[in-house]
Amino acid sequence: MLTTIFTATYKGEHFLPELFESLMRQTNKNFEWILVNDGSPDNTDEIVKAMKERADFAFHYFKKPNGGKTTAVNMGIQFAQGELWLIVDHDDFLSDDAIEVINRYYPRIKDDENICSVTFLRHHHDGRPIGTQDNPDNLISDFCSYRTVLNIVGDRAEVVKTDYFRKYCPIPTFENENNCLDGYIWLMLAKYYKTLFIANKKPVYYCEYHSSGRSTKVYNTPLGDMCIHNLFASMEQTNIWQKFLTYGRYWYKFFKAENITFCKAYKDLYYKWGVVALPLGILALFRKTK
């Protein structure tokens, strides 16, 4: 059973070697690595050339003009051959037995058409879980309820059945926005499928948030944000208060966006009553510009 590990990289020349070495140390080499260079203006090409000469696993490298992580994901998923799909950011790395652990858990969900993934905790380099420290183990839930009902926070390592992930690709992109709609796929999957959440004490995926990393930056992507807010508000797993607050954020981003009319923004609303949150968006805009 093949797993596709996918990485999008931009200015990742100092991080990629550590990820590569963790893949070289895998106790199970039945995986492929798809690396998409999102137009990085550094020495990634040279570093990849050296890595490919050493790699003892399937390694596929693609380069494209800069367009953001979303566009890189949309490219990479087209070439995935694995039964499973795992996104690993370029500044993260895996435990030596990560693929072995994935293979151990996958049989529990493989033949269940209602379960789309097995999801593990991410850990800091010192072994602490990212986000919520007390996590339920062997939980069957969905990606939205996991956050909105159980109030669990922190990035996770989602190992998704590739065909399920591919159903919702290409992920939407917006002109002049170098965006990453991280939440889009997880919300779409949460509409129709469950996932198996594992509260692994032993790290599988190591993660830290660097000052130069994407997670610490604020991107000007109002149209993409509006798309995610509208999708989140449409979820059955969100209560009326969560929907109202989310529509407030939707309208705030509308005021920050260009080339979209009020009529278009209103027409796009999943729930037309979301227009009642317009004053909340105006208030947020006023407070942000004070």
Protein backbone atom coordinates (compact mmCIF):
# COMPACT_ATOMS: atom_id res chain seq x y z
CA MET A 1 0.00 0.00 0.00
CA LEU A 2 1.60 3.21 -1.24
CA THR A 3 1.38 6.53 0.61
CA THR A 4 1.92 9.82 -1.19
CA ILE A 5 3.74 12.39 0.91
CA PHE A 6 3.19 15.84 -0.56
CA THR A 7 5.21 18.97 0.11
CA ALA A 8 4.84 22.46 -1.33
CA THR A 9 7.94 24.58 -0.90
CA TYR A 10 8.74 28.26 -1.22
CA LYS A 11 12.03 29.59 0.11
CA GLY A 12 12.53 26.27 1.83
CA GLU A 13 16.17 25.59 0.99
CA HIS A 14 17.18 25.61 4.68
CA PHE A 15 14.36 23.30 5.78
CA LEU A 16 14.06 20.68 3.05
CA PRO A 17 17.21 18.69 3.97
CA GLU A 18 15.83 17.85 7.43
CA LEU A 19 12.55 16.62 5.93
CA PHE A 20 14.44 14.64 3.30
CA GLU A 21 16.65 12.95 5.90
CA SER A 22 13.56 11.93 7.88
CA LEU A 23 12.21 10.26 4.73
CA MET A 24 15.53 8.52 4.16
CA ARG A 25 15.29 7.07 7.68
CA GLN A 26 11.80 5.60 7.20
CA THR A 27 11.60 2.00 8.37
CA ASN A 28 9.05 1.36 5.60
CA LYS A 29 9.90 2.80 2.19
CA ASN A 30 6.57 2.07 0.51
CA PHE A 31 5.83 5.72 -0.19
CA GLU A 32 6.44 8.40 -2.79
CA TRP A 33 7.41 12.01 -2.19
CA ILE A 34 5.89 14.67 -4.43
CA LEU A 35 7.68 17.99 -4.00
CA VAL A 36 6.29 21.07 -5.76
CA ASN A 37 8.52 24.14 -5.93
CA ASP A 38 6.14 27.11 -5.98
CA GLY A 39 8.49 29.42 -7.89
CA SER A 40 10.98 29.72 -5.06
CA PRO A 41 13.80 32.26 -5.76
CA ASP A 42 16.49 30.29 -3.94
CA ASN A 43 18.71 27.25 -4.41
CA THR A 44 15.95 24.66 -4.13
CA ASP A 45 16.74 23.22 -7.57
CA GLU A 46 20.34 22.47 -6.62
CA ILE A 47 19.35 21.01 -3.26
CA VAL A 48 16.75 18.77 -4.88
CA LYS A 49 19.28 17.54 -7.45
CA ALA A 50 21.58 16.39 -4.66
CA MET A 51 18.72 14.78 -2.77
CA LYS A 52 17.47 12.87 -5.81
CA GLU A 53 20.92 11.35 -6.28
CA ARG A 54 20.68 9.87 -2.78
CA ALA A 55 16.99 9.05 -2.54
CA ASP A 56 16.12 5.38 -2.07
CA PHE A 57 12.39 6.01 -2.48
CA ALA A 58 10.19 7.35 -5.29
CA PHE A 59 10.82 11.10 -5.55
CA HIS A 60 8.93 13.34 -7.99
CA TYR A 61 9.86 17.01 -8.32
CA PHE A 62 7.87 19.71 -10.09
CA LYS A 63 8.41 23.42 -10.44
CA LYS A 64 5.79 26.07 -11.23
CA PRO A 65 5.40 29.86 -11.15
CA ASN A 66 4.61 31.24 -7.72
CA GLY A 67 0.90 31.08 -6.94
CA GLY A 68 0.57 29.96 -3.34
CA LYS A 69 0.25 26.63 -1.60
CA THR A 70 -3.25 26.02 -2.93
CA THR A 71 -2.02 25.99 -6.53
CA ALA A 72 0.84 23.67 -5.54
CA VAL A 73 -1.61 21.24 -3.92
CA ASN A 74 -3.81 21.36 -7.01
CA MET A 75 -0.79 20.37 -9.10
CA GLY A 76 0.54 17.69 -6.79
CA ILE A 77 -2.72 15.80 -6.34
CA GLN A 78 -2.87 15.24 -10.09
CA PHE A 79 0.28 13.11 -9.94
CA ALA A 80 -0.38 11.21 -6.72
CA GLN A 81 -0.21 7.46 -7.11
CA GLY A 82 -0.64 6.55 -3.46
CA GLU A 83 -3.74 5.13 -1.86
CA LEU A 84 -3.18 7.63 0.95
CA TRP A 85 -2.26 11.32 0.84
CA LEU A 86 -0.31 13.13 3.57
CA ILE A 87 0.69 16.80 3.35
CA VAL A 88 3.97 17.57 5.13
CA ASP A 89 5.05 21.21 5.19
CA HIS A 90 8.60 21.92 4.05
CA ASP A 91 9.71 23.04 7.52
CA ASP A 92 8.36 19.92 9.27
CA PHE A 93 9.55 16.32 9.33
CA LEU A 94 8.39 12.80 10.20
CA SER A 95 9.39 10.26 12.78
CA ASP A 96 11.49 7.38 11.46
CA ASP A 97 8.53 4.98 11.70
CA ALA A 98 5.80 7.33 10.43
CA ILE A 99 4.91 5.23 7.36
CA GLU A 100 5.00 2.08 9.47
CA VAL A 101 2.57 3.65 11.96
CA ILE A 102 0.26 4.81 9.17
CA ASN A 103 0.22 1.29 7.73
CA ARG A 104 -0.65 -0.07 11.16
CA TYR A 105 -3.76 2.11 11.51
CA TYR A 106 -4.97 2.22 7.92
CA PRO A 107 -6.62 -1.25 7.91
CA ARG A 108 -9.07 0.08 10.52
CA ILE A 109 -10.58 2.52 7.99
CA LYS A 110 -9.65 1.04 4.62
CA ASP A 111 -12.93 -0.68 3.85
CA ASP A 112 -15.21 1.82 5.60
CA GLU A 113 -16.59 4.12 2.91
CA ASN A 114 -17.84 6.57 5.52
CA ILE A 115 -14.37 7.27 6.94
CA CYS A 116 -12.04 9.38 4.81
CA SER A 117 -8.88 9.50 6.90
CA VAL A 118 -6.89 8.58 9.95
CA THR A 119 -5.59 11.70 11.68
CA PHE A 120 -2.67 11.93 14.09
CA LEU A 121 -1.45 14.61 16.46
CA ARG A 122 1.44 16.81 15.46
CA HIS A 123 4.14 17.32 18.07
CA HIS A 124 6.66 20.00 18.91
CA HIS A 125 10.28 18.97 18.66
CA ASP A 126 10.32 18.45 22.44
CA GLY A 127 7.49 15.93 22.19
CA ARG A 128 4.59 18.11 23.35
CA PRO A 129 1.40 17.85 21.27
CA ILE A 130 0.57 20.87 19.13
CA GLY A 131 -2.45 22.72 20.55
CA THR A 132 -4.83 20.87 22.86
CA GLN A 133 -2.87 18.70 25.28
CA ASP A 134 -5.65 16.35 26.46
CA ASN A 135 -6.95 14.73 23.27
CA PRO A 136 -9.52 11.92 22.90
CA ASP A 137 -8.06 8.74 21.40
CA ASN A 138 -9.67 6.48 18.80
CA LEU A 139 -12.36 9.11 18.25
CA ILE A 140 -14.68 8.78 15.26
CA SER A 141 -15.82 12.28 14.35
CA ASP A 142 -15.48 14.75 11.50
CA PHE A 143 -13.03 17.57 10.86
CA CYS A 144 -15.58 20.27 11.73
CA SER A 145 -17.13 18.79 14.89
CA TYR A 146 -13.63 18.06 16.15
CA ARG A 147 -13.15 21.85 16.33
CA THR A 148 -16.62 23.28 16.92
CA VAL A 149 -18.09 20.74 19.34
CA LEU A 150 -15.02 19.37 21.13
CA ASN A 151 -13.19 22.72 20.89
CA ILE A 152 -9.90 21.05 20.00
CA VAL A 153 -7.22 23.36 18.64
CA GLY A 154 -3.93 22.78 16.87
CA ASP A 155 -2.77 21.50 13.49
CA ARG A 156 -3.06 17.78 12.86
CA ALA A 157 -1.46 15.26 10.51
CA GLU A 158 -4.32 14.14 8.26
CA VAL A 159 -3.67 10.96 6.29
CA VAL A 160 -6.51 10.99 3.77
CA LYS A 161 -7.66 8.42 1.26
CA THR A 162 -6.33 9.99 -1.92
CA ASP A 163 -9.49 9.47 -3.95
CA TYR A 164 -11.52 11.26 -1.29
CA PHE A 165 -9.15 14.23 -1.22
CA ARG A 166 -9.13 14.38 -5.01
CA LYS A 167 -12.94 14.66 -5.08
CA TYR A 168 -12.71 18.28 -3.92
CA CYS A 169 -9.85 19.39 -6.10
CA PRO A 170 -8.96 21.68 -7.62
CA ILE A 171 -9.30 23.78 -4.50
CA PRO A 172 -10.69 27.22 -5.43
CA THR A 173 -8.19 29.94 -6.22
CA PHE A 174 -8.74 33.66 -6.68
CA GLU A 175 -7.09 36.07 -9.06
CA ASN A 176 -4.35 38.21 -7.54
CA GLU A 177 -4.45 36.27 -4.28
CA ASN A 178 -1.46 34.14 -3.36
CA ASN A 179 -3.60 32.21 -0.98
CA CYS A 180 -3.89 28.92 0.82
CA LEU A 181 -7.37 27.64 1.54
CA ASP A 182 -6.20 25.09 4.11
CA GLY A 183 -9.66 24.67 5.56
CA TYR A 184 -11.53 24.11 2.31
CA ILE A 185 -10.79 20.40 1.86
CA TRP A 186 -11.28 19.58 5.54
CA LEU A 187 -14.67 21.30 5.62
CA MET A 188 -15.79 19.64 2.40
CA LEU A 189 -14.75 16.24 3.73
CA ALA A 190 -16.52 17.00 7.02
CA LYS A 191 -19.79 17.51 5.14
CA TYR A 192 -19.89 13.88 4.05
CA TYR A 193 -17.33 11.78 5.92
CA LYS A 194 -15.94 10.89 9.31
CA THR A 195 -12.33 10.48 10.33
CA LEU A 196 -10.51 8.38 12.90
CA PHE A 197 -8.61 10.62 15.32
CA ILE A 198 -5.60 9.11 17.07
CA ALA A 199 -4.14 10.78 20.16
CA ASN A 200 -0.68 9.33 19.63
CA LYS A 201 1.70 10.02 22.50
CA LYS A 202 4.68 8.98 20.41
CA PRO A 203 5.29 11.64 17.74
CA VAL A 204 4.68 10.81 14.10
CA TYR A 205 4.83 14.34 12.67
CA TYR A 206 7.19 16.97 14.09
CA CYS A 207 6.26 20.62 13.67
CA GLU A 208 7.52 24.03 14.79
CA TYR A 209 6.33 27.48 13.76
CA HIS A 210 9.23 29.52 12.41
CA SER A 211 9.19 33.29 12.11
CA SER A 212 9.70 32.92 8.35
CA GLY A 213 7.03 30.23 7.99
CA ARG A 214 3.67 30.57 6.28
CA SER A 215 1.73 29.96 9.50
CA THR A 216 3.12 33.10 11.13
CA LYS A 217 2.32 35.42 8.20
CA VAL A 218 -0.82 37.40 7.51
CA TYR A 219 -1.90 37.10 3.89
CA ASN A 220 -4.10 39.55 2.04
CA THR A 221 -6.59 37.04 0.65
CA PRO A 222 -10.05 38.50 1.24
CA LEU A 223 -11.86 36.56 -1.52
CA GLY A 224 -10.37 33.29 -0.34
CA ASP A 225 -11.28 34.14 3.25
CA MET A 226 -14.85 34.93 2.19
CA CYS A 227 -15.07 31.53 0.52
CA ILE A 228 -13.92 29.73 3.67
CA HIS A 229 -16.17 31.77 5.99
CA ASN A 230 -19.20 31.07 3.79
CA LEU A 231 -18.37 27.37 3.71
CA PHE A 232 -17.87 27.23 7.48
CA ALA A 233 -21.20 28.97 8.08
CA SER A 234 -22.90 26.38 5.84
CA MET A 235 -21.80 23.47 8.02
CA GLU A 236 -24.46 21.58 9.97
CA GLN A 237 -21.90 21.21 12.76
CA THR A 238 -21.82 24.95 13.49
CA ASN A 239 -24.42 26.52 15.75
CA ILE A 240 -26.32 29.72 15.01
CA TRP A 241 -23.96 31.91 17.04
CA GLN A 242 -20.91 30.50 15.25
CA LYS A 243 -22.61 31.12 11.92
CA PHE A 244 -23.43 34.71 12.86
CA LEU A 245 -19.88 35.50 13.96
CA THR A 246 -18.50 33.85 10.83
CA TYR A 247 -20.75 35.94 8.62
CA GLY A 248 -19.44 39.00 10.43
CA ARG A 249 -15.96 37.97 9.32
CA TYR A 250 -17.33 37.34 5.83
CA TRP A 251 -18.58 40.92 5.54
CA TYR A 252 -15.39 42.32 7.04
CA LYS A 253 -13.42 40.57 4.29
CA PHE A 254 -15.92 41.86 1.72
CA PHE A 255 -15.00 45.42 2.67
CA LYS A 256 -11.31 44.53 2.30
CA ALA A 257 -11.78 42.88 -1.08
CA GLU A 258 -11.64 44.43 -4.53
CA ASN A 259 -13.58 43.56 -7.67
CA ILE A 260 -16.61 42.12 -5.92
CA THR A 261 -19.97 43.84 -5.66
CA PHE A 262 -22.38 43.73 -2.76
CA CYS A 263 -24.89 41.95 -5.00
CA LYS A 264 -22.36 39.22 -5.78
CA ALA A 265 -21.38 38.86 -2.11
CA TYR A 266 -25.03 38.62 -1.09
CA LYS A 267 -25.87 36.15 -3.87
CA ASP A 268 -22.98 33.89 -2.78
CA LEU A 269 -24.24 33.62 0.81
CA TYR A 270 -25.14 30.05 1.68
CA TYR A 271 -27.71 31.43 4.13
CA LYS A 272 -29.16 34.70 2.91
CA TRP A 273 -29.93 35.70 6.49
CA GLY A 274 -26.16 36.11 6.85
CA VAL A 275 -26.70 39.68 5.67
CA VAL A 276 -27.85 40.53 9.20
CA ALA A 277 -24.19 40.21 10.26
CA LEU A 278 -23.26 43.10 7.96
CA PRO A 279 -23.07 45.60 10.88
CA LEU A 280 -20.65 43.26 12.62
CA GLY A 281 -18.40 43.42 9.56
CA ILE A 282 -18.64 47.21 9.50
CA LEU A 283 -17.75 47.35 13.20
CA ALA A 284 -14.74 45.09 12.64
CA LEU A 285 -13.60 47.28 9.75
CA PHE A 286 -13.95 50.42 11.88
CA ARG A 287 -11.99 48.89 14.76
CA LYS A 288 -9.22 47.63 12.45
CA THR A 289 -8.79 51.04 10.81
CA LYS A 290 -8.80 53.13 13.98
